[in-house]
C-alpha atoms as a PDB file:
ATOM      1  CA  MET A   1     113.137 221.129 124.557  1.00  0.00           C
ATOM      2  CA  ASN A   2     116.852 220.862 126.472  1.00  0.00           C
ATOM      3  CA  TRP A   3     115.270 218.051 128.184  1.00  0.00           C
ATOM      4  CA  PHE A   4     114.593 216.433 125.015  1.00  0.00           C
ATOM      5  CA  LEU A   5     117.653 216.596 123.847  1.00  0.00           C
ATOM      6  CA  ASN A   6     118.936 215.513 126.905  1.00  0.00           C
ATOM      7  CA  ALA A   7     116.984 212.135 126.858  1.00  0.00           C
ATOM      8  CA  LEU A   8     117.150 211.678 122.844  1.00  0.00           C
ATOM      9  CA  PRO A   9     120.499 209.585 122.623  1.00  0.00           C
ATOM     10  CA  LEU A  10     119.692 207.175 125.785  1.00  0.00           C
ATOM     11  CA  ALA A  11     116.461 206.685 124.542  1.00  0.00           C
ATOM     12  CA  ALA A  12     117.586 205.753 121.262  1.00  0.00           C
ATOM     13  CA  LEU A  13     119.989 203.241 122.694  1.00  0.00           C
ATOM     14  CA  CYS A  14     117.629 201.957 125.425  1.00  0.00           C
ATOM     15  CA  ALA A  15     115.142 201.356 121.437  1.00  0.00           C
ATOM     16  CA  ILE A  16     117.842 199.360 119.815  1.00  0.00           C
ATOM     17  CA  ALA A  17     119.315 197.658 123.231  1.00  0.00           C
ATOM     18  CA  GLY A  18     115.564 197.097 123.690  1.00  0.00           C
ATOM     19  CA  GLY A  19     114.444 195.672 119.510  1.00  0.00           C
ATOM     20  CA  GLY A  20     117.999 193.513 119.700  1.00  0.00           C
ATOM     21  CA  THR A  21     117.076 191.715 122.919  1.00  0.00           C
ATOM     22  CA  TYR A  22     113.946 190.852 121.735  1.00  0.00           C
ATOM     23  CA  ALA A  23     114.717 189.796 118.512  1.00  0.00           C
ATOM     24  CA  SER A  24     118.018 187.541 119.832  1.00  0.00           C
ATOM     25  CA  LEU A  25     115.540 186.130 122.654  1.00  0.00           C
ATOM     26  CA  TYR A  26     112.719 185.417 119.570  1.00  0.00           C
ATOM     27  CA  VAL A  27     115.504 183.431 117.644  1.00  0.00           C
ATOM     28  CA  LEU A  28     116.719 181.538 120.451  1.00  0.00           C
ATOM     29  CA  ILE A  29     112.959 180.010 121.928  1.00  0.00           C
ATOM     30  CA  LYS A  30     111.463 179.743 118.930  1.00  0.00           C
ATOM     31  CA  LYS A  31     114.269 179.151 116.541  1.00  0.00           C
ATOM     32  CA  ALA A  32     112.692 181.350 113.937  1.00  0.00           C
ATOM     33  CA  THR A  33     113.076 184.824 112.328  1.00  0.00           C
ATOM     34  CA  PRO A  34     111.181 187.349 114.230  1.00  0.00           C
ATOM     35  CA  PRO A  35     108.578 189.543 112.554  1.00  0.00           C
ATOM     36  CA  VAL A  36     109.982 193.239 111.804  1.00  0.00           C
ATOM     37  CA  LYS A  37     106.548 194.842 113.299  1.00  0.00           C
ATOM     38  CA  SER A  38     107.496 193.092 116.635  1.00  0.00           C
ATOM     39  CA  ILE A  39     110.487 194.421 116.871  1.00  0.00           C
ATOM     40  CA  ALA A  40     109.861 197.942 116.121  1.00  0.00           C
ATOM     41  CA  LEU A  41     107.238 197.988 118.054  1.00  0.00           C
ATOM     42  CA  THR A  42     109.257 196.465 121.056  1.00  0.00           C
ATOM     43  CA  ALA A  43     112.555 199.220 120.210  1.00  0.00           C
ATOM     44  CA  ALA A  44     109.852 201.642 120.393  1.00  0.00           C
ATOM     45  CA  LEU A  45     108.173 200.547 123.529  1.00  0.00           C
ATOM     46  CA  PHE A  46     111.933 200.470 125.329  1.00  0.00           C
ATOM     47  CA  GLY A  47     112.670 203.736 123.919  1.00  0.00           C
ATOM     48  CA  TYR A  48     109.344 205.235 125.078  1.00  0.00           C
ATOM     49  CA  ALA A  49     109.965 203.622 128.755  1.00  0.00           C
ATOM     50  CA  TYR A  50     113.414 205.533 128.877  1.00  0.00           C
ATOM     51  CA  PHE A  51     111.626 208.965 128.242  1.00  0.00           C
ATOM     52  CA  VAL A  52     108.648 208.357 130.225  1.00  0.00           C
ATOM     53  CA  ALA A  53     111.872 207.607 133.254  1.00  0.00           C
ATOM     54  CA  TYR A  54     114.026 210.091 132.116  1.00  0.00           C
ATOM     55  CA  LEU A  55     110.552 212.567 132.356  1.00  0.00           C
ATOM     56  CA  THR A  56     109.379 211.147 135.888  1.00  0.00           C
ATOM     57  CA  LEU A  57     112.885 210.741 137.939  1.00  0.00           C
ATOM     58  CA  LEU A  58     115.704 210.255 135.997  1.00  0.00           C
ATOM     59  CA  GLY A  59     116.018 213.986 135.016  1.00  0.00           C
ATOM     60  CA  ARG A  60     114.713 215.304 138.749  1.00  0.00           C
ATOM     61  CA  LEU A  61     116.863 216.706 141.114  1.00  0.00           C
ATOM     62  CA  TYR A  62     115.935 216.031 144.623  1.00  0.00           C
ATOM     63  CA  PHE A  63     112.568 217.092 144.690  1.00  0.00           C
ATOM     64  CA  PHE A  64     111.817 218.492 148.160  1.00  0.00           C
ATOM     65  CA  ALA A  65     107.588 219.093 148.701  1.00  0.00           C
ATOM     66  CA  TYR A  66     105.899 220.063 151.869  1.00  0.00           C
ATOM     67  CA  SER A  67     104.466 217.136 151.588  1.00  0.00           C
ATOM     68  CA  PRO A  68     105.790 213.390 149.889  1.00  0.00           C
ATOM     69  CA  LEU A  69     101.828 212.480 149.264  1.00  0.00           C
ATOM     70  CA  GLU A  70      99.239 214.111 147.581  1.00  0.00           C
ATOM     71  CA  LEU A  71      96.370 211.766 148.406  1.00  0.00           C
ATOM     72  CA  ASN A  72      93.375 214.736 147.014  1.00  0.00           C
ATOM     73  CA  PRO A  73      92.707 213.200 143.708  1.00  0.00           C
ATOM     74  CA  VAL A  74      91.766 216.600 142.202  1.00  0.00           C
ATOM     75  CA  ALA A  75      94.116 218.892 144.450  1.00  0.00           C
ATOM     76  CA  SER A  76      95.465 220.285 140.932  1.00  0.00           C
ATOM     77  CA  TYR A  77      91.914 221.731 140.100  1.00  0.00           C
ATOM     78  CA  ILE A  78      91.763 223.188 143.777  1.00  0.00           C
ATOM     79  CA  ARG A  79      94.789 225.111 143.310  1.00  0.00           C
ATOM     80  CA  ALA A  80      94.015 225.853 139.837  1.00  0.00           C
ATOM     81  CA  ALA A  81      90.930 227.521 140.614  1.00  0.00           C
ATOM     82  CA  ASN A  82      92.487 229.315 143.971  1.00  0.00           C
ATOM     83  CA  ALA A  83      95.542 230.813 142.050  1.00  0.00           C
ATOM     84  CA  PRO A  84      96.516 233.781 139.492  1.00  0.00           C
ATOM     85  CA  PRO A  85      95.858 232.764 136.160  1.00  0.00           C
ATOM     86  CA  HIS A  86     100.021 232.316 135.178  1.00  0.00           C
ATOM     87  CA  LEU A  87      99.830 229.746 137.985  1.00  0.00           C
ATOM     88  CA  ALA A  88      96.675 227.788 137.046  1.00  0.00           C
ATOM     89  CA  ARG A  89      97.644 227.301 133.635  1.00  0.00           C
ATOM     90  CA  ILE A  90     100.789 225.600 135.328  1.00  0.00           C
ATOM     91  CA  GLU A  91      98.474 223.159 137.127  1.00  0.00           C
ATOM     92  CA  ILE A  92      95.740 222.436 134.155  1.00  0.00           C
ATOM     93  CA  ARG A  93      99.139 221.775 131.801  1.00  0.00           C
ATOM     94  CA  ASN A  94     100.337 219.250 134.178  1.00  0.00           C
ATOM     95  CA  ALA A  95      97.681 217.867 134.268  1.00  0.00           C
ATOM     96  CA  ILE A  96      97.470 217.414 130.292  1.00  0.00           C
ATOM     97  CA  PHE A  97     100.941 216.220 130.448  1.00  0.00           C
ATOM     98  CA  ASN A  98     100.237 213.813 132.583  1.00  0.00           C
ATOM     99  CA  ILE A  99      97.393 212.494 130.837  1.00  0.00           C
ATOM    100  CA  LEU A 100      99.647 212.191 127.360  1.00  0.00           C
ATOM    101  CA  MET A 101     102.354 210.964 128.896  1.00  0.00           C
ATOM    102  CA  LEU A 102     100.740 207.076 128.798  1.00  0.00           C
ATOM    103  CA  MET A 103      98.652 207.505 125.959  1.00  0.00           C
ATOM    104  CA  PRO A 104     101.678 206.147 123.679  1.00  0.00           C
ATOM    105  CA  LEU A 105     101.544 203.063 126.329  1.00  0.00           C
ATOM    106  CA  GLY A 106      97.818 202.674 125.473  1.00  0.00           C
ATOM    107  CA  ILE A 107      98.308 202.690 121.915  1.00  0.00           C
ATOM    108  CA  MET A 108     101.388 200.368 122.014  1.00  0.00           C
ATOM    109  CA  LEU A 109     100.497 197.750 124.195  1.00  0.00           C
ATOM    110  CA  PRO A 110      97.195 196.464 121.899  1.00  0.00           C
ATOM    111  CA  LEU A 111      99.677 196.836 119.010  1.00  0.00           C
ATOM    112  CA  LEU A 112     102.212 194.437 120.652  1.00  0.00           C
ATOM    113  CA  SER A 113     100.324 191.844 122.214  1.00  0.00           C
ATOM    114  CA  HIS A 114      96.655 190.641 122.008  1.00  0.00           C
ATOM    115  CA  ARG A 115      96.487 190.482 125.826  1.00  0.00           C
ATOM    116  CA  PHE A 116      95.914 194.334 125.944  1.00  0.00           C
ATOM    117  CA  ARG A 117      92.973 194.339 123.029  1.00  0.00           C
ATOM    118  CA  ARG A 118      90.266 194.788 125.718  1.00  0.00           C
ATOM    119  CA  LEU A 119      90.303 198.395 127.381  1.00  0.00           C
ATOM    120  CA  TYR A 120      90.726 197.121 130.966  1.00  0.00           C
ATOM    121  CA  ALA A 121      93.645 195.052 130.184  1.00  0.00           C
ATOM    122  CA  THR A 122      95.383 198.403 128.904  1.00  0.00           C
ATOM    123  CA  ALA A 123      93.652 200.866 131.660  1.00  0.00           C
ATOM    124  CA  ALA A 124      95.021 198.169 134.296  1.00  0.00           C
ATOM    125  CA  ALA A 125      98.399 198.253 132.927  1.00  0.00           C
ATOM    126  CA  GLY A 126      98.622 202.136 132.980  1.00  0.00           C
ATOM    127  CA  LEU A 127      97.309 202.154 136.463  1.00  0.00           C
ATOM    128  CA  ILE A 128     100.048 199.674 137.050  1.00  0.00           C
ATOM    129  CA  VAL A 129     102.710 201.745 135.387  1.00  0.00           C
ATOM    130  CA  SER A 130     101.443 204.765 137.065  1.00  0.00           C
ATOM    131  CA  VAL A 131     101.385 203.472 140.393  1.00  0.00           C
ATOM    132  CA  ALA A 132     104.825 202.317 139.890  1.00  0.00           C
ATOM    133  CA  ILE A 133     106.364 205.990 138.842  1.00  0.00           C
ATOM    134  CA  GLU A 134     104.638 207.351 141.866  1.00  0.00           C
ATOM    135  CA  THR A 135     105.997 205.069 143.855  1.00  0.00           C
ATOM    136  CA  ALA A 136     109.353 205.071 142.856  1.00  0.00           C
ATOM    137  CA  GLN A 137     109.384 209.295 142.884  1.00  0.00           C
ATOM    138  CA  LEU A 138     107.942 208.615 146.527  1.00  0.00           C
ATOM    139  CA  ALA A 139     111.045 206.346 147.080  1.00  0.00           C
ATOM    140  CA  THR A 140     113.334 208.460 145.620  1.00  0.00           C
ATOM    141  CA  ALA A 141     112.238 212.085 146.718  1.00  0.00           C
ATOM    142  CA  ARG A 142     112.458 212.872 142.970  1.00  0.00           C
ATOM    143  CA  GLY A 143     108.386 213.489 143.091  1.00  0.00           C
ATOM    144  CA  VAL A 144     105.306 213.313 144.916  1.00  0.00           C
ATOM    145  CA  PHE A 145     103.399 210.265 145.355  1.00  0.00           C
ATOM    146  CA  ALA A 146      99.883 211.943 143.889  1.00  0.00           C
ATOM    147  CA  THR A 147      96.167 210.083 143.060  1.00  0.00           C
ATOM    148  CA  GLU A 148      95.478 212.659 140.781  1.00  0.00           C
ATOM    149  CA  ASP A 149      98.511 211.750 138.491  1.00  0.00           C
ATOM    150  CA  ILE A 150      97.622 207.746 138.896  1.00  0.00           C
ATOM    151  CA  LEU A 151      93.956 208.561 137.744  1.00  0.00           C
ATOM    152  CA  HIS A 152      95.197 211.070 134.531  1.00  0.00           C
ATOM    153  CA  ASN A 153      98.049 208.355 133.730  1.00  0.00           C
ATOM    154  CA  THR A 154      95.638 206.281 133.566  1.00  0.00           C
ATOM    155  CA  LEU A 155      93.279 208.016 131.749  1.00  0.00           C
ATOM    156  CA  GLY A 156      95.830 208.871 129.471  1.00  0.00           C
ATOM    157  CA  ALA A 157      96.667 204.773 129.338  1.00  0.00           C
ATOM    158  CA  ALA A 158      92.666 203.932 128.088  1.00  0.00           C
ATOM    159  CA  LEU A 159      92.646 207.177 125.695  1.00  0.00           C
ATOM    160  CA  GLY A 160      95.787 205.974 124.366  1.00  0.00           C
ATOM    161  CA  TYR A 161      93.355 202.283 123.381  1.00  0.00           C
ATOM    162  CA  ALA A 162      90.663 204.626 122.184  1.00  0.00           C
ATOM    163  CA  LEU A 163      92.933 206.126 119.681  1.00  0.00           C
ATOM    164  CA  TYR A 164      94.264 202.677 118.601  1.00  0.00           C
ATOM    165  CA  LYS A 165      90.203 201.117 118.227  1.00  0.00           C
ATOM    166  CA  ILE A 166      89.843 203.834 116.352  1.00  0.00           C
ATOM    167  CA  PHE A 167      92.529 203.653 114.107  1.00  0.00           C
ATOM    168  CA  THR A 168      92.395 199.928 113.663  1.00  0.00           C
ATOM    169  CA  LYS A 169      88.906 200.323 113.380  1.00  0.00           C
ATOM    170  CA  PHE A 170      89.311 203.598 110.246  1.00  0.00           C
ATOM    171  CA  LEU A 171      91.762 200.928 108.359  1.00  0.00           C
ATOM    172  CA  ALA A 172      89.394 198.009 108.642  1.00  0.00           C
ATOM    173  CA  LYS A 173      86.813 199.902 106.666  1.00  0.00           C
ATOM    174  CA  PHE A 174      89.567 201.591 104.516  1.00  0.00           C
ATOM    175  CA  HIS A 175      91.109 198.039 103.461  1.00  0.00           C
ATOM    176  CA  LYS A 176      87.526 196.255 102.577  1.00  0.00           C
ATOM    177  CA  THR A 177      87.205 195.206  98.958  1.00  0.00           C
ATOM    178  CA  PRO A 178      83.745 195.802  97.362  1.00  0.00           C
END
Protein backbone atom coordinates (compact mmCIF):
# COMPACT_ATOMS: atom_id res chain seq x y z
CA MET A 1 0.00 0.00 0.00
CA ASN A 2 2.97 2.29 0.57
CA TRP A 3 3.84 2.21 -3.15
CA PHE A 4 0.31 3.40 -3.89
CA LEU A 5 0.65 6.39 -1.57
CA ASN A 6 4.04 7.21 -3.08
CA ALA A 7 2.70 7.07 -6.63
CA LEU A 8 -0.63 8.81 -6.08
CA PRO A 9 0.46 12.50 -6.13
CA LEU A 10 2.45 12.16 -9.35
CA ALA A 11 -0.25 10.02 -10.96
CA ALA A 12 -2.77 12.77 -10.19
CA LEU A 13 -0.40 15.37 -11.62
CA CYS A 14 0.05 13.26 -14.79
CA ALA A 15 -3.72 12.91 -15.08
CA ILE A 16 -4.24 16.66 -14.78
CA ALA A 17 -1.44 17.38 -17.24
CA GLY A 18 -2.70 14.79 -19.72
CA GLY A 19 -6.30 15.96 -19.57
CA GLY A 20 -5.27 19.60 -19.78
CA THR A 21 -2.94 18.98 -22.72
CA TYR A 22 -5.65 17.05 -24.57
CA ALA A 23 -8.20 19.82 -23.98
CA SER A 24 -5.76 22.53 -25.07
CA LEU A 25 -4.77 20.71 -28.26
CA TYR A 26 -8.41 19.94 -29.06
CA VAL A 27 -9.30 23.62 -28.80
CA LEU A 28 -6.28 24.69 -30.87
CA ILE A 29 -6.79 22.14 -33.63
CA LYS A 30 -10.58 21.78 -33.86
CA LYS A 31 -11.55 25.24 -32.62
CA ALA A 32 -14.26 23.68 -30.47
CA THR A 33 -14.88 22.67 -26.89
CA PRO A 34 -13.66 19.11 -26.24
CA PRO A 35 -16.11 16.53 -24.90
CA VAL A 36 -15.83 16.15 -21.12
CA LYS A 37 -15.84 12.35 -21.52
CA SER A 38 -12.74 12.53 -23.74
CA ILE A 39 -10.92 14.83 -21.32
CA ALA A 40 -11.74 12.53 -18.39
CA LEU A 41 -10.67 9.38 -20.26
CA THR A 42 -7.43 10.98 -21.43
CA ALA A 43 -6.68 12.14 -17.88
CA ALA A 44 -7.41 8.64 -16.56
CA LEU A 45 -5.13 7.12 -19.21
CA PHE A 46 -2.26 9.44 -18.27
CA GLY A 47 -2.68 8.74 -14.56
CA TYR A 48 -2.87 5.01 -15.26
CA ALA A 49 0.24 5.17 -17.48
CA TYR A 50 2.17 6.75 -14.62
CA PHE A 51 1.02 4.00 -12.23
CA VAL A 52 2.21 1.33 -14.67
CA ALA A 53 5.54 3.12 -15.12
CA TYR A 54 5.90 3.39 -11.35
CA LEU A 55 5.09 -0.29 -10.80
CA THR A 56 7.41 -1.55 -13.50
CA LEU A 57 10.29 0.95 -13.50
CA LEU A 58 10.22 4.11 -11.43
CA GLY A 59 9.37 2.53 -8.09
CA ARG A 60 12.09 -0.10 -8.36
CA LEU A 61 15.69 -0.01 -7.35
CA TYR A 62 18.17 -1.60 -9.69
CA PHE A 63 17.32 -5.23 -10.05
CA PHE A 64 20.18 -7.71 -10.16
CA ALA A 65 19.00 -11.06 -11.42
CA TYR A 66 20.90 -14.13 -12.43
CA SER A 67 19.76 -13.51 -15.98
CA PRO A 68 18.24 -10.31 -17.39
CA LEU A 69 16.30 -12.41 -19.93
CA GLU A 70 13.63 -15.01 -19.22
CA LEU A 71 12.53 -16.39 -22.56
CA ASN A 72 10.63 -19.44 -21.27
CA PRO A 73 6.93 -18.47 -21.50
CA VAL A 74 5.97 -20.78 -18.60
CA ALA A 75 8.95 -20.20 -16.29
CA SER A 76 6.96 -19.01 -13.27
CA TYR A 77 4.58 -21.96 -13.54
CA ILE A 78 7.54 -24.34 -13.51
CA ARG A 79 9.03 -22.50 -10.53
CA ALA A 80 5.65 -22.59 -8.76
CA ALA A 81 5.28 -26.33 -9.37
CA ASN A 82 8.71 -27.01 -7.88
CA ALA A 83 8.59 -24.52 -4.99
CA PRO A 84 7.29 -24.73 -1.45
CA PRO A 85 3.68 -23.44 -1.16
CA HIS A 86 4.61 -19.98 0.16
CA LEU A 87 6.95 -19.37 -2.80
CA ALA A 88 4.52 -20.92 -5.28
CA ARG A 89 1.86 -18.42 -4.16
CA ILE A 90 4.26 -15.55 -4.95
CA GLU A 91 4.80 -16.86 -8.49
CA ILE A 92 1.07 -17.24 -9.10
CA ARG A 93 0.35 -13.84 -7.54
CA ASN A 94 2.90 -12.21 -9.86
CA ALA A 95 1.27 -13.86 -12.89
CA ILE A 96 -2.15 -12.60 -11.80
CA PHE A 97 -0.81 -9.08 -11.19
CA ASN A 98 0.73 -9.04 -14.68
CA ILE A 99 -2.64 -9.96 -16.16
CA LEU A 100 -4.47 -7.35 -14.07
CA MET A 101 -1.92 -4.61 -14.82
CA LEU A 102 -3.00 -4.10 -18.45
CA MET A 103 -6.71 -4.81 -18.05
CA PRO A 104 -7.49 -1.08 -17.60
CA LEU A 105 -5.73 -0.40 -20.90
CA GLY A 106 -8.03 -2.89 -22.62
CA ILE A 107 -11.02 -1.05 -21.20
CA MET A 108 -9.85 2.52 -21.82
CA LEU A 109 -8.54 2.22 -25.39
CA PRO A 110 -11.88 1.32 -27.03
CA LEU A 111 -13.54 4.06 -25.00
CA LEU A 112 -11.00 6.60 -26.25
CA SER A 113 -10.90 5.67 -29.92
CA HIS A 114 -12.99 3.71 -32.39
CA ARG A 115 -9.72 2.29 -33.76
CA PHE A 116 -9.54 0.04 -30.70
CA ARG A 117 -13.05 -1.34 -30.91
CA ARG A 118 -11.72 -4.62 -32.26
CA LEU A 119 -10.06 -7.24 -30.11
CA TYR A 120 -6.99 -7.54 -32.34
CA ALA A 121 -6.29 -3.79 -32.19
CA THR A 122 -6.55 -3.63 -28.41
CA ALA A 123 -4.55 -6.84 -27.93
CA ALA A 124 -1.88 -5.53 -30.35
CA ALA A 125 -1.67 -2.30 -28.33
CA GLY A 126 -1.34 -4.36 -25.15
CA LEU A 127 1.45 -6.38 -26.79
CA ILE A 128 3.29 -3.22 -27.86
CA VAL A 129 2.97 -1.63 -24.41
CA SER A 130 4.12 -4.84 -22.74
CA VAL A 131 7.17 -5.23 -25.02
CA ALA A 132 8.03 -1.58 -24.32
CA ILE A 133 7.81 -2.19 -20.56
CA GLU A 134 9.94 -5.33 -20.71
CA THR A 135 12.51 -3.65 -22.98
CA ALA A 136 12.71 -0.66 -20.62
CA GLN A 137 13.21 -3.01 -17.66
CA LEU A 138 16.04 -4.75 -19.51
CA ALA A 139 17.65 -1.47 -20.61
CA THR A 140 17.50 0.11 -17.15
CA ALA A 141 18.30 -3.08 -15.18
CA ARG A 142 15.09 -2.61 -13.19
CA GLY A 143 13.58 -5.94 -14.02
CA VAL A 144 13.82 -9.01 -16.18
CA PHE A 145 12.72 -9.11 -19.81
CA ALA A 146 10.26 -11.98 -19.51
CA THR A 147 8.23 -13.38 -22.41
CA GLU A 148 5.79 -14.72 -19.84
CA ASP A 149 5.07 -11.19 -18.62
CA ILE A 150 4.42 -10.13 -22.22
CA LEU A 151 1.91 -12.95 -22.62
CA HIS A 152 0.22 -12.16 -19.30
CA ASN A 153 0.05 -8.42 -20.03
CA THR A 154 -1.37 -9.01 -23.51
CA LEU A 155 -3.93 -11.40 -22.05
CA GLY A 156 -4.83 -8.70 -19.52
CA ALA A 157 -5.43 -6.13 -22.28
CA ALA A 158 -7.60 -8.67 -24.13
CA LEU A 159 -9.58 -9.46 -20.96
CA GLY A 160 -10.04 -5.72 -20.37
CA TYR A 161 -11.42 -5.45 -23.90
CA ALA A 162 -13.79 -8.35 -23.15
CA LEU A 163 -15.02 -6.51 -20.06
CA TYR A 164 -15.54 -3.40 -22.19
CA LYS A 165 -17.61 -5.43 -24.69
CA ILE A 166 -19.67 -7.09 -21.95
CA PHE A 167 -20.36 -3.75 -20.28
CA THR A 168 -21.31 -1.98 -23.53
CA LYS A 169 -23.64 -4.85 -24.54
CA PHE A 170 -25.24 -4.71 -21.09
CA LEU A 171 -25.72 -0.96 -21.37
CA ALA A 172 -27.17 -1.31 -24.86
CA LYS A 173 -29.76 -3.82 -23.62
CA PHE A 174 -30.45 -1.74 -20.52
CA HIS A 175 -31.11 1.42 -22.55
CA LYS A 176 -33.37 -0.18 -25.18
CA THR A 177 -36.89 1.11 -25.10
CA PRO A 178 -39.81 -1.30 -25.56
